C-alpha atoms as a PDB file:
ATOM      1  CA  MET A   1      -0.003  -0.034   0.018  1.00  0.00           C
ATOM      2  CA  ILE A   2       0.949   3.613  -0.498  1.00  0.00           C
ATOM      3  CA  GLU A   3       1.318   5.945   2.462  1.00  0.00           C
ATOM      4  CA  PHE A   4       2.145   9.647   2.803  1.00  0.00           C
ATOM      5  CA  SER A   5       4.667  10.817   5.437  1.00  0.00           C
ATOM      6  CA  TRP A   6       3.376  14.400   5.534  1.00  0.00           C
ATOM      7  CA  TRP A   7      -0.037  15.882   5.008  1.00  0.00           C
ATOM      8  CA  TRP A   8       0.662  19.507   5.595  1.00  0.00           C
ATOM      9  CA  PRO A   9       1.692  20.235   1.941  1.00  0.00           C
ATOM     10  CA  LEU A  10      -2.004  19.970   1.083  1.00  0.00           C
ATOM     11  CA  LEU A  11      -2.428  23.396   2.699  1.00  0.00           C
ATOM     12  CA  LEU A  12      -0.269  24.816  -0.088  1.00  0.00           C
ATOM     13  CA  TRP A  13      -2.277  23.427  -2.946  1.00  0.00           C
ATOM     14  CA  PRO A  14      -4.966  26.233  -3.100  1.00  0.00           C
ATOM     15  CA  ILE A  15      -2.334  28.994  -3.264  1.00  0.00           C
ATOM     16  CA  PRO A  16      -2.319  29.438  -7.088  1.00  0.00           C
ATOM     17  CA  ILE A  17      -6.126  29.445  -7.208  1.00  0.00           C
ATOM     18  CA  LEU A  18      -6.458  31.961  -4.377  1.00  0.00           C
ATOM     19  CA  TYR A  19      -3.801  34.116  -6.059  1.00  0.00           C
ATOM     20  CA  ARG A  20      -5.708  34.145  -9.376  1.00  0.00           C
ATOM     21  CA  VAL A  21      -9.018  34.920  -7.725  1.00  0.00           C
ATOM     22  CA  LEU A  22      -7.503  37.794  -5.681  1.00  0.00           C
ATOM     23  CA  ARG A  23      -5.642  39.107  -8.743  1.00  0.00           C
ATOM     24  CA  ARG A  24      -8.868  39.139 -10.894  1.00  0.00           C
ATOM     25  CA  THR A  25     -10.770  40.856  -8.088  1.00  0.00           C
ATOM     26  CA  TYR A  26      -8.081  43.522  -7.797  1.00  0.00           C
ATOM     27  CA  GLN A  27      -8.024  44.113 -11.599  1.00  0.00           C
ATOM     28  CA  GLN A  28     -11.780  44.487 -11.702  1.00  0.00           C
ATOM     29  CA  GLN A  29     -11.699  47.069  -8.948  1.00  0.00           C
ATOM     30  CA  GLN A  30      -8.973  49.006 -10.777  1.00  0.00           C
ATOM     31  CA  THR A  31     -10.819  49.061 -14.157  1.00  0.00           C
ATOM     32  CA  PRO A  32     -13.858  51.457 -14.128  1.00  0.00           C
ATOM     33  CA  LEU A  33     -14.796  50.925 -17.717  1.00  0.00           C
ATOM     34  CA  ALA A  34     -15.336  47.734 -19.651  1.00  0.00           C
ATOM     35  CA  ILE A  35     -12.481  46.738 -21.914  1.00  0.00           C
ATOM     36  CA  THR A  36     -13.352  46.114 -25.472  1.00  0.00           C
ATOM     37  CA  ARG A  37     -12.601  42.485 -26.439  1.00  0.00           C
ATOM     38  CA  LEU A  38      -9.892  41.916 -28.962  1.00  0.00           C
ATOM     39  CA  PRO A  39     -10.851  40.587 -32.378  1.00  0.00           C
ATOM     40  CA  ASP A  40     -11.157  36.780 -32.500  1.00  0.00           C
ATOM     41  CA  LEU A  41      -8.460  36.605 -35.108  1.00  0.00           C
ATOM     42  CA  ALA A  42      -5.907  38.363 -32.887  1.00  0.00           C
ATOM     43  CA  ARG A  43      -6.841  36.170 -29.908  1.00  0.00           C
ATOM     44  CA  GLU A  44      -6.303  33.010 -31.972  1.00  0.00           C
ATOM     45  CA  GLN A  45      -2.851  34.100 -33.179  1.00  0.00           C
ATOM     46  CA  ARG A  46      -1.422  35.138 -29.762  1.00  0.00           C
ATOM     47  CA  PRO A  47       1.148  32.729 -28.354  1.00  0.00           C
ATOM     48  CA  LEU A  48       0.627  30.377 -25.423  1.00  0.00           C
ATOM     49  CA  THR A  49       0.630  32.374 -22.176  1.00  0.00           C
ATOM     50  CA  THR A  50      -0.532  32.019 -18.671  1.00  0.00           C
ATOM     51  CA  SER A  51      -3.899  33.421 -19.581  1.00  0.00           C
ATOM     52  CA  ASN A  52      -4.536  30.476 -21.920  1.00  0.00           C
ATOM     53  CA  PRO A  53      -7.009  27.983 -20.321  1.00  0.00           C
ATOM     54  CA  TRP A  54      -4.857  25.044 -21.547  1.00  0.00           C
ATOM     55  CA  TRP A  55      -1.780  26.343 -19.929  1.00  0.00           C
ATOM     56  CA  GLN A  56      -3.645  27.023 -16.752  1.00  0.00           C
ATOM     57  CA  MET A  57      -4.797  23.452 -16.547  1.00  0.00           C
ATOM     58  CA  VAL A  58      -1.216  22.122 -17.211  1.00  0.00           C
ATOM     59  CA  ALA A  59       0.177  24.443 -14.578  1.00  0.00           C
ATOM     60  CA  LEU A  60      -2.374  23.206 -12.067  1.00  0.00           C
ATOM     61  CA  VAL A  61      -1.473  19.580 -12.821  1.00  0.00           C
ATOM     62  CA  ILE A  62       2.274  20.396 -12.427  1.00  0.00           C
ATOM     63  CA  TRP A  63       1.597  22.163  -9.088  1.00  0.00           C
ATOM     64  CA  SER A  64      -0.469  19.205  -7.887  1.00  0.00           C
ATOM     65  CA  LEU A  65       2.352  16.745  -8.740  1.00  0.00           C
ATOM     66  CA  VAL A  66       4.834  18.897  -6.805  1.00  0.00           C
ATOM     67  CA  ILE A  67       2.449  18.870  -3.777  1.00  0.00           C
ATOM     68  CA  ILE A  68       2.198  15.142  -3.934  1.00  0.00           C
ATOM     69  CA  ALA A  69       6.027  14.863  -4.035  1.00  0.00           C
ATOM     70  CA  LEU A  70       6.241  17.119  -0.942  1.00  0.00           C
ATOM     71  CA  MET A  71       3.918  14.790   0.888  1.00  0.00           C
ATOM     72  CA  ARG A  72       6.609  12.100   0.640  1.00  0.00           C
ATOM     73  CA  PRO A  73       4.658   9.088  -0.749  1.00  0.00           C
ATOM     74  CA  GLN A  74       6.196   5.721   0.053  1.00  0.00           C
ATOM     75  CA  TRP A  75       5.349   2.117  -0.617  1.00  0.00           C
ATOM     76  CA  LEU A  76       4.858  -0.146   2.435  1.00  0.00           C
ATOM     77  CA  GLY A  77       5.862  -3.744   1.762  1.00  0.00           C
ATOM     78  CA  GLU A  78       4.631  -6.908   3.441  1.00  0.00           C
ATOM     79  CA  PRO A  79       5.251  -7.148   7.200  1.00  0.00           C
ATOM     80  CA  ILE A  80       8.387  -9.038   8.166  1.00  0.00           C
ATOM     81  CA  ALA A  81       9.546 -10.178  11.583  1.00  0.00           C
ATOM     82  CA  ALA A  82      12.476  -8.226  13.006  1.00  0.00           C
ATOM     83  CA  HIS A  83      14.303  -9.266  16.082  1.00  0.00           C
ATOM     84  CA  HIS A  84      15.767  -6.694  18.437  1.00  0.00           C
ATOM     85  CA  ASP A  85      18.221  -8.699  20.561  1.00  0.00           C
ATOM     86  CA  ALA A  86      21.028  -6.179  21.101  1.00  0.00           C
ATOM     87  CA  ARG A  87      23.677  -8.906  21.067  1.00  0.00           C
ATOM     88  CA  GLU A  88      27.303  -8.388  20.036  1.00  0.00           C
ATOM     89  CA  MET A  89      29.616 -11.259  19.958  1.00  0.00           C
ATOM     90  CA  MET A  90      33.413 -11.215  19.466  1.00  0.00           C
ATOM     91  CA  ILE A  91      35.235 -14.500  18.664  1.00  0.00           C
ATOM     92  CA  ALA A  92      38.938 -14.673  19.603  1.00  0.00           C
ATOM     93  CA  VAL A  93      40.890 -17.475  17.909  1.00  0.00           C
ATOM     94  CA  ASP A  94      44.327 -18.656  18.962  1.00  0.00           C
ATOM     95  CA  LEU A  95      46.857 -18.794  16.073  1.00  0.00           C
ATOM     96  CA  SER A  96      49.886 -19.867  18.118  1.00  0.00           C
ATOM     97  CA  GLY A  97      52.129 -22.616  16.844  1.00  0.00           C
ATOM     98  CA  SER A  98      50.536 -25.345  18.988  1.00  0.00           C
ATOM     99  CA  MET A  99      47.301 -24.992  16.991  1.00  0.00           C
ATOM    100  CA  GLU A 100      49.200 -26.980  14.309  1.00  0.00           C
ATOM    101  CA  ILE A 101      49.061 -30.163  16.357  1.00  0.00           C
ATOM    102  CA  ALA A 102      47.060 -32.743  14.360  1.00  0.00           C
ATOM    103  CA  ASP A 103      45.050 -34.377  17.126  1.00  0.00           C
ATOM    104  CA  MET A 104      41.547 -33.662  15.716  1.00  0.00           C
ATOM    105  CA  ASN A 105      39.460 -35.828  13.399  1.00  0.00           C
ATOM    106  CA  ILE A 106      36.960 -34.802  10.724  1.00  0.00           C
ATOM    107  CA  ALA A 107      35.148 -37.585   8.904  1.00  0.00           C
ATOM    108  CA  GLY A 108      37.901 -40.044   9.633  1.00  0.00           C
ATOM    109  CA  GLN A 109      40.727 -37.747   8.547  1.00  0.00           C
ATOM    110  CA  GLN A 110      43.307 -36.441  10.964  1.00  0.00           C
ATOM    111  CA  VAL A 111      43.536 -32.637  10.973  1.00  0.00           C
ATOM    112  CA  ASP A 112      45.152 -29.871  13.009  1.00  0.00           C
ATOM    113  CA  ARG A 113      43.220 -27.941  15.688  1.00  0.00           C
ATOM    114  CA  LEU A 114      42.772 -24.795  13.570  1.00  0.00           C
ATOM    115  CA  THR A 115      41.284 -26.724  10.659  1.00  0.00           C
ATOM    116  CA  MET A 116      38.852 -28.469  12.943  1.00  0.00           C
ATOM    117  CA  LEU A 117      37.934 -25.063  14.557  1.00  0.00           C
ATOM    118  CA  LYS A 118      37.181 -23.511  11.170  1.00  0.00           C
ATOM    119  CA  HIS A 119      35.096 -26.552  10.261  1.00  0.00           C
ATOM    120  CA  VAL A 120      32.832 -26.415  13.339  1.00  0.00           C
ATOM    121  CA  MET A 121      32.710 -22.618  13.703  1.00  0.00           C
ATOM    122  CA  ARG A 122      31.246 -22.069  10.156  1.00  0.00           C
ATOM    123  CA  ASP A 123      27.998 -23.678  11.239  1.00  0.00           C
ATOM    124  CA  PHE A 124      27.983 -21.758  14.533  1.00  0.00           C
ATOM    125  CA  ILE A 125      28.384 -18.458  12.798  1.00  0.00           C
ATOM    126  CA  ASP A 126      25.581 -19.353  10.344  1.00  0.00           C
ATOM    127  CA  ARG A 127      23.186 -19.879  13.218  1.00  0.00           C
ATOM    128  CA  ARG A 128      23.873 -16.517  14.752  1.00  0.00           C
ATOM    129  CA  GLU A 129      21.321 -14.686  12.625  1.00  0.00           C
ATOM    130  CA  GLY A 130      20.547 -11.241  14.010  1.00  0.00           C
ATOM    131  CA  ASP A 131      23.788 -11.030  16.074  1.00  0.00           C
ATOM    132  CA  ARG A 132      26.723  -8.664  15.311  1.00  0.00           C
ATOM    133  CA  ILE A 133      29.835 -10.837  15.144  1.00  0.00           C
ATOM    134  CA  GLY A 134      33.482  -9.844  15.059  1.00  0.00           C
ATOM    135  CA  LEU A 135      36.781 -11.791  14.853  1.00  0.00           C
ATOM    136  CA  ILE A 136      39.989 -11.407  16.756  1.00  0.00           C
ATOM    137  CA  LEU A 137      43.156 -13.391  15.959  1.00  0.00           C
ATOM    138  CA  PHE A 138      45.970 -13.612  18.496  1.00  0.00           C
ATOM    139  CA  ALA A 139      49.365 -15.205  18.936  1.00  0.00           C
ATOM    140  CA  ASP A 140      52.320 -12.974  19.954  1.00  0.00           C
ATOM    141  CA  THR A 141      49.876 -10.119  19.920  1.00  0.00           C
ATOM    142  CA  ALA A 142      46.158  -9.669  19.082  1.00  0.00           C
ATOM    143  CA  TYR A 143      44.417  -7.753  16.345  1.00  0.00           C
ATOM    144  CA  VAL A 144      40.872  -7.385  14.890  1.00  0.00           C
ATOM    145  CA  GLN A 145      40.488  -9.425  11.721  1.00  0.00           C
ATOM    146  CA  ALA A 146      36.819  -8.495  11.279  1.00  0.00           C
ATOM    147  CA  PRO A 147      35.031  -5.715  13.165  1.00  0.00           C
ATOM    148  CA  MET A 148      31.546  -6.534  14.555  1.00  0.00           C
ATOM    149  CA  THR A 149      29.063  -6.803  11.690  1.00  0.00           C
ATOM    150  CA  TYR A 150      25.856  -8.432  10.699  1.00  0.00           C
ATOM    151  CA  ASP A 151      27.619  -9.819   7.581  1.00  0.00           C
ATOM    152  CA  ARG A 152      28.223 -13.363   8.787  1.00  0.00           C
ATOM    153  CA  ALA A 153      29.519 -14.495   5.360  1.00  0.00           C
ATOM    154  CA  THR A 154      32.384 -11.983   5.619  1.00  0.00           C
ATOM    155  CA  VAL A 155      33.292 -13.177   9.146  1.00  0.00           C
ATOM    156  CA  LYS A 156      33.341 -16.790   7.920  1.00  0.00           C
ATOM    157  CA  GLN A 157      35.548 -15.816   4.992  1.00  0.00           C
ATOM    158  CA  MET A 158      37.975 -13.966   7.268  1.00  0.00           C
ATOM    159  CA  LEU A 159      38.168 -17.093   9.507  1.00  0.00           C
ATOM    160  CA  ASP A 160      38.737 -19.438   6.595  1.00  0.00           C
ATOM    161  CA  GLU A 161      41.646 -17.217   5.346  1.00  0.00           C
ATOM    162  CA  THR A 162      43.529 -17.362   8.611  1.00  0.00           C
ATOM    163  CA  VAL A 163      46.836 -19.183   8.701  1.00  0.00           C
ATOM    164  CA  LEU A 164      49.009 -20.419  11.535  1.00  0.00           C
ATOM    165  CA  ARG A 165      52.022 -18.419  12.618  1.00  0.00           C
ATOM    166  CA  LEU A 166      50.625 -15.326  10.962  1.00  0.00           C
ATOM    167  CA  ILE A 167      51.485 -13.209  13.999  1.00  0.00           C
ATOM    168  CA  GLY A 168      53.918 -15.368  15.825  1.00  0.00           C
ATOM    169  CA  GLU A 169      54.288 -18.640  17.800  1.00  0.00           C
ATOM    170  CA  ARG A 170      53.253 -17.709  21.295  1.00  0.00           C
ATOM    171  CA  THR A 171      49.866 -16.952  23.018  1.00  0.00           C
ATOM    172  CA  ALA A 172      48.753 -13.498  24.129  1.00  0.00           C
ATOM    173  CA  ILE A 173      45.481 -14.315  25.834  1.00  0.00           C
ATOM    174  CA  GLY A 174      45.410 -11.153  27.931  1.00  0.00           C
ATOM    175  CA  ASP A 175      45.884  -8.918  24.796  1.00  0.00           C
ATOM    176  CA  ALA A 176      43.015 -10.673  23.095  1.00  0.00           C
ATOM    177  CA  ILE A 177      40.606 -10.099  25.995  1.00  0.00           C
ATOM    178  CA  ALA A 178      41.749  -6.518  26.399  1.00  0.00           C
ATOM    179  CA  LEU A 179      41.228  -5.796  22.678  1.00  0.00           C
ATOM    180  CA  ALA A 180      37.726  -7.347  22.805  1.00  0.00           C
ATOM    181  CA  VAL A 181      36.819  -5.225  25.843  1.00  0.00           C
ATOM    182  CA  LYS A 182      38.027  -2.101  24.082  1.00  0.00           C
ATOM    183  CA  ARG A 183      35.643  -2.907  21.262  1.00  0.00           C
ATOM    184  CA  PHE A 184      32.789  -3.251  23.702  1.00  0.00           C
ATOM    185  CA  ALA A 185      33.675  -0.288  25.924  1.00  0.00           C
ATOM    186  CA  ASP A 186      31.457   2.335  24.272  1.00  0.00           C
ATOM    187  CA  ARG A 187      28.446  -0.048  23.965  1.00  0.00           C
ATOM    188  CA  THR A 188      25.906   0.383  26.644  1.00  0.00           C
ATOM    189  CA  GLU A 189      22.730  -1.451  25.550  1.00  0.00           C
ATOM    190  CA  THR A 190      24.160  -4.717  24.165  1.00  0.00           C
ATOM    191  CA  ASN A 191      24.780  -8.212  25.381  1.00  0.00           C
ATOM    192  CA  LYS A 192      28.628  -8.210  25.261  1.00  0.00           C
ATOM    193  CA  ILE A 193      29.991 -11.670  24.638  1.00  0.00           C
ATOM    194  CA  LEU A 194      33.540 -12.905  24.102  1.00  0.00           C
ATOM    195  CA  ILE A 195      34.093 -16.433  22.835  1.00  0.00           C
ATOM    196  CA  LEU A 196      37.770 -17.159  23.626  1.00  0.00           C
ATOM    197  CA  VAL A 197      39.241 -20.267  21.877  1.00  0.00           C
ATOM    198  CA  THR A 198      42.781 -21.356  22.793  1.00  0.00           C
ATOM    199  CA  ASP A 199      44.876 -24.496  23.361  1.00  0.00           C
ATOM    200  CA  GLY A 200      47.542 -23.079  25.667  1.00  0.00           C
ATOM    201  CA  GLN A 201      48.440 -20.629  28.349  1.00  0.00           C
ATOM    202  CA  ASN A 202      49.376 -16.938  28.282  1.00  0.00           C
ATOM    203  CA  THR A 203      53.015 -16.643  27.151  1.00  0.00           C
ATOM    204  CA  ALA A 204      53.135 -13.282  25.407  1.00  0.00           C
ATOM    205  CA  GLY A 205      51.527  -9.859  25.145  1.00  0.00           C
ATOM    206  CA  GLN A 206      51.486  -6.702  27.139  1.00  0.00           C
ATOM    207  CA  VAL A 207      48.371  -7.271  29.198  1.00  0.00           C
ATOM    208  CA  ASP A 208      48.195  -9.905  31.905  1.00  0.00           C
ATOM    209  CA  PRO A 209      45.036 -12.151  31.681  1.00  0.00           C
ATOM    210  CA  LEU A 210      43.982 -11.185  35.210  1.00  0.00           C
ATOM    211  CA  GLN A 211      44.248  -7.518  34.373  1.00  0.00           C
ATOM    212  CA  ALA A 212      42.202  -8.034  31.261  1.00  0.00           C
ATOM    213  CA  LEU A 213      39.715 -10.033  33.529  1.00  0.00           C
ATOM    214  CA  GLU A 214      39.227  -6.896  35.645  1.00  0.00           C
ATOM    215  CA  LEU A 215      38.542  -4.810  32.517  1.00  0.00           C
ATOM    216  CA  ALA A 216      36.026  -7.398  31.251  1.00  0.00           C
ATOM    217  CA  LYS A 217      34.188  -7.366  34.669  1.00  0.00           C
ATOM    218  CA  TYR A 218      34.212  -3.517  34.685  1.00  0.00           C
ATOM    219  CA  TYR A 219      32.694  -3.191  31.218  1.00  0.00           C
ATOM    220  CA  GLY A 220      30.289  -6.160  31.642  1.00  0.00           C
ATOM    221  CA  VAL A 221      31.883  -8.439  29.041  1.00  0.00           C
ATOM    222  CA  LYS A 222      30.850 -12.077  29.444  1.00  0.00           C
ATOM    223  CA  ILE A 223      33.618 -14.608  28.538  1.00  0.00           C
ATOM    224  CA  TYR A 224      32.915 -18.088  27.251  1.00  0.00           C
ATOM    225  CA  ALA A 225      36.325 -19.887  27.209  1.00  0.00           C
ATOM    226  CA  ILE A 226      36.997 -23.020  25.180  1.00  0.00           C
ATOM    227  CA  GLY A 227      40.052 -25.154  25.659  1.00  0.00           C
ATOM    228  CA  VAL A 228      40.917 -27.044  22.505  1.00  0.00           C
ATOM    229  CA  GLY A 229      43.014 -30.161  22.188  1.00  0.00           C
ATOM    230  CA  ALA A 230      43.006 -33.889  22.815  1.00  0.00           C
ATOM    231  CA  GLU A 231      44.262 -35.236  26.114  1.00  0.00           C
ATOM    232  CA  GLU A 232      45.887 -38.275  24.695  1.00  0.00           C
ATOM    233  CA  VAL A 233      47.457 -39.294  21.402  1.00  0.00           C
ATOM    234  CA  ILE A 234      49.638 -42.263  20.427  1.00  0.00           C
ATOM    235  CA  ILE A 235      52.845 -41.496  18.662  1.00  0.00           C
ATOM    236  CA  ASP A 236      55.467 -43.774  17.134  1.00  0.00           C
ATOM    237  CA  GLY A 237      58.919 -43.566  18.590  1.00  0.00           C
ATOM    238  CA  PHE A 238      62.311 -45.369  18.327  1.00  0.00           C
ATOM    239  CA  PHE A 239      61.267 -47.664  21.186  1.00  0.00           C
ATOM    240  CA  GLY A 240      57.724 -48.242  19.882  1.00  0.00           C
ATOM    241  CA  GLN A 241      54.476 -46.483  20.501  1.00  0.00           C
ATOM    242  CA  ARG A 242      53.829 -44.205  23.467  1.00  0.00           C
ATOM    243  CA  ARG A 243      50.970 -42.127  24.809  1.00  0.00           C
ATOM    244  CA  VAL A 244      51.433 -38.365  25.260  1.00  0.00           C
ATOM    245  CA  ASN A 245      49.208 -35.476  26.374  1.00  0.00           C
ATOM    246  CA  PRO A 246      49.297 -32.780  23.663  1.00  0.00           C
ATOM    247  CA  SER A 247      47.334 -30.443  25.847  1.00  0.00           C
ATOM    248  CA  ARG A 248      49.617 -30.341  28.840  1.00  0.00           C
ATOM    249  CA  ASP A 249      50.214 -26.642  28.382  1.00  0.00           C
ATOM    250  CA  LEU A 250      46.512 -25.701  28.489  1.00  0.00           C
ATOM    251  CA  ASP A 251      45.858 -23.436  31.477  1.00  0.00           C
ATOM    252  CA  GLU A 252      42.371 -24.641  32.410  1.00  0.00           C
ATOM    253  CA  ASN A 253      42.344 -22.992  35.783  1.00  0.00           C
ATOM    254  CA  MET A 254      42.907 -19.544  34.279  1.00  0.00           C
ATOM    255  CA  LEU A 255      40.299 -20.140  31.528  1.00  0.00           C
ATOM    256  CA  ARG A 256      37.815 -21.308  34.093  1.00  0.00           C
ATOM    257  CA  ARG A 257      38.409 -18.250  36.224  1.00  0.00           C
ATOM    258  CA  LEU A 258      37.936 -15.903  33.270  1.00  0.00           C
ATOM    259  CA  ALA A 259      34.602 -17.544  32.541  1.00  0.00           C
ATOM    260  CA  ASP A 260      33.290 -17.855  36.135  1.00  0.00           C
ATOM    261  CA  GLU A 261      34.078 -14.293  37.210  1.00  0.00           C
ATOM    262  CA  THR A 262      32.399 -12.718  34.119  1.00  0.00           C
ATOM    263  CA  GLY A 263      29.209 -14.863  34.267  1.00  0.00           C
ATOM    264  CA  GLY A 264      30.207 -17.040  31.344  1.00  0.00           C
ATOM    265  CA  ALA A 265      31.240 -20.646  31.208  1.00  0.00           C
ATOM    266  CA  TYR A 266      34.294 -22.805  30.434  1.00  0.00           C
ATOM    267  CA  PHE A 267      34.182 -25.710  28.024  1.00  0.00           C
ATOM    268  CA  ARG A 268      36.713 -28.379  27.119  1.00  0.00           C
ATOM    269  CA  ALA A 269      36.820 -29.546  23.472  1.00  0.00           C
ATOM    270  CA  ARG A 270      38.877 -32.736  23.222  1.00  0.00           C
ATOM    271  CA  SER A 271      37.386 -33.692  19.857  1.00  0.00           C
ATOM    272  CA  THR A 272      35.408 -32.312  16.891  1.00  0.00           C
ATOM    273  CA  ALA A 273      32.241 -33.744  18.347  1.00  0.00           C
ATOM    274  CA  GLU A 274      32.771 -32.094  21.713  1.00  0.00           C
ATOM    275  CA  LEU A 275      33.363 -28.713  20.073  1.00  0.00           C
ATOM    276  CA  GLU A 276      30.163 -29.094  18.043  1.00  0.00           C
ATOM    277  CA  ARG A 277      28.268 -29.892  21.253  1.00  0.00           C
ATOM    278  CA  ILE A 278      29.811 -26.895  22.887  1.00  0.00           C
ATOM    279  CA  TYR A 279      28.627 -24.479  20.183  1.00  0.00           C
ATOM    280  CA  THR A 280      25.107 -26.023  20.386  1.00  0.00           C
ATOM    281  CA  GLU A 281      25.202 -25.478  24.168  1.00  0.00           C
ATOM    282  CA  LEU A 282      26.311 -21.864  23.592  1.00  0.00           C
ATOM    283  CA  ASP A 283      23.067 -21.368  21.627  1.00  0.00           C
ATOM    284  CA  THR A 284      21.142 -22.261  24.813  1.00  0.00           C
ATOM    285  CA  TYR A 285      23.274 -19.903  27.023  1.00  0.00           C
ATOM    286  CA  GLU A 286      22.846 -17.105  24.497  1.00  0.00           C
ATOM    287  CA  PRO A 287      19.718 -17.763  22.405  1.00  0.00           C
ATOM    288  CA  VAL A 288      19.665 -16.209  18.992  1.00  0.00           C
ATOM    289  CA  GLN A 289      16.082 -14.996  18.692  1.00  0.00           C
ATOM    290  CA  GLY A 290      14.010 -12.979  20.980  1.00  0.00           C
ATOM    291  CA  ASP A 291      10.450 -11.627  20.686  1.00  0.00           C
ATOM    292  CA  ALA A 292       9.762 -10.829  17.076  1.00  0.00           C
ATOM    293  CA  GLN A 293       8.222  -7.446  16.099  1.00  0.00           C
ATOM    294  CA  LEU A 294       6.708  -6.826  12.708  1.00  0.00           C
ATOM    295  CA  ARG A 295       8.335  -4.252  10.480  1.00  0.00           C
ATOM    296  CA  ARG A 296       7.266  -3.106   7.010  1.00  0.00           C
ATOM    297  CA  PRO A 297       9.966  -2.184   4.493  1.00  0.00           C
ATOM    298  CA  GLN A 298       9.518   1.248   3.046  1.00  0.00           C
ATOM    299  CA  THR A 299      10.330   2.408  -0.542  1.00  0.00           C
ATOM    300  CA  ALA A 300      10.295   6.154  -1.265  1.00  0.00           C
ATOM    301  CA  LEU A 301       8.180   7.164  -4.239  1.00  0.00           C
ATOM    302  CA  PHE A 302       8.383  11.000  -4.215  1.00  0.00           C
ATOM    303  CA  TYR A 303      10.665  11.076  -7.298  1.00  0.00           C
ATOM    304  CA  TRP A 304       7.874   9.729  -9.499  1.00  0.00           C
ATOM    305  CA  PRO A 305       5.459  12.689  -9.164  1.00  0.00           C
ATOM    306  CA  LEU A 306       8.457  15.031  -9.131  1.00  0.00           C
ATOM    307  CA  GLY A 307       9.801  13.592 -12.317  1.00  0.00           C
ATOM    308  CA  ALA A 308       6.365  13.729 -13.996  1.00  0.00           C
ATOM    309  CA  ALA A 309       6.037  17.437 -12.987  1.00  0.00           C
ATOM    310  CA  TRP A 310       9.458  18.193 -14.508  1.00  0.00           C
ATOM    311  CA  LEU A 311       8.551  16.307 -17.767  1.00  0.00           C
ATOM    312  CA  LEU A 312       5.217  18.147 -18.149  1.00  0.00           C
ATOM    313  CA  LEU A 313       6.996  21.495 -17.531  1.00  0.00           C
ATOM    314  CA  MET A 314       9.613  20.752 -20.168  1.00  0.00           C
ATOM    315  CA  ILE A 315       6.909  19.667 -22.719  1.00  0.00           C
ATOM    316  CA  SER A 316       4.883  22.834 -22.079  1.00  0.00           C
ATOM    317  CA  VAL A 317       7.907  25.093 -22.519  1.00  0.00           C
ATOM    318  CA  PHE A 318       8.724  23.254 -25.746  1.00  0.00           C
ATOM    319  CA  ILE A 319       5.203  23.649 -27.052  1.00  0.00           C
ATOM    320  CA  GLN A 320       5.112  27.323 -26.110  1.00  0.00           C
ATOM    321  CA  GLY A 321       8.497  27.938 -27.807  1.00  0.00           C
ATOM    322  CA  TRP A 322       7.387  25.984 -30.915  1.00  0.00           C
ATOM    323  CA  GLY A 323       4.184  27.964 -31.174  1.00  0.00           C
ATOM    324  CA  SER A 324       6.065  31.279 -30.859  1.00  0.00           C
ATOM    325  CA  TRP A 325       8.583  30.222 -33.527  1.00  0.00           C
ATOM    326  CA  ARG A 326       5.850  29.226 -36.001  1.00  0.00           C
ATOM    327  CA  GLN A 327       3.932  32.446 -35.405  1.00  0.00           C
ATOM    328  CA  HIS A 328       6.925  34.657 -35.986  1.00  0.00           C
ATOM    329  CA  GLY A 329       8.590  32.420 -38.496  1.00  0.00           C
END
């Protein structure tokens, strides 16, 4: 349906008519004697002017179209559901050298931790419809790979393009948290969530994780920490096979404290299946959809009557000029 934003321009529509009536009344008062009519021949040969009835009608149509344009007509589309969960989520991914350990499995194929993380996180990002999502990468330091956006496809692409050792070998967990908090600092009416994925302990950076924790608590940032890595793998050695723990450097106590003191949760992902269950569980901790409200998309239409008015004016000017040229030509 068509709807008008403003109705007050209708008050302007009678102005030309009132002006003509007042002008005619004034001329009649100023003319004491009747004016002899011009010969019909002379009247027929005069050019198109504002006293011509045809021009008056065209001018009124043009003025009416301008008034309609001033009323800002717009087309209202079909109602659609809009969700207003003010949720912003930053995902911090560890790119340290230990993420290269191939202790994960996807469809029977042994892969490294980062490959598994990309595989599982694609589906998680797809499900976060309506959320603003950003991506932080960290190793020796931390930086924002993708600022918070509703464009989930871009965030997935940025994650897929990440490579190990891009910014070093070590793990700056404190820097990653502090950078996420900085992005959230000026947001007051959002649900601030940081998903921190790492397989180690803080070994680099300028900000201690406990200092970053205080910043997160001050600004109301909720941390969901995920420790990635298997607890046991079998490797072949000179003296035969032996069992090792590839996640011995994972600082679970620190990650658990980060989560508990900010109102989040700590999860342990020892396999691809466990990480998938964690992201499903995160959907229950932070549900995607809230109460839906109906919104109708609006499309402005004012340029149609405005364009029609301009076209009529140009045609009228052309006809008037053509008539004058033929009369004097």
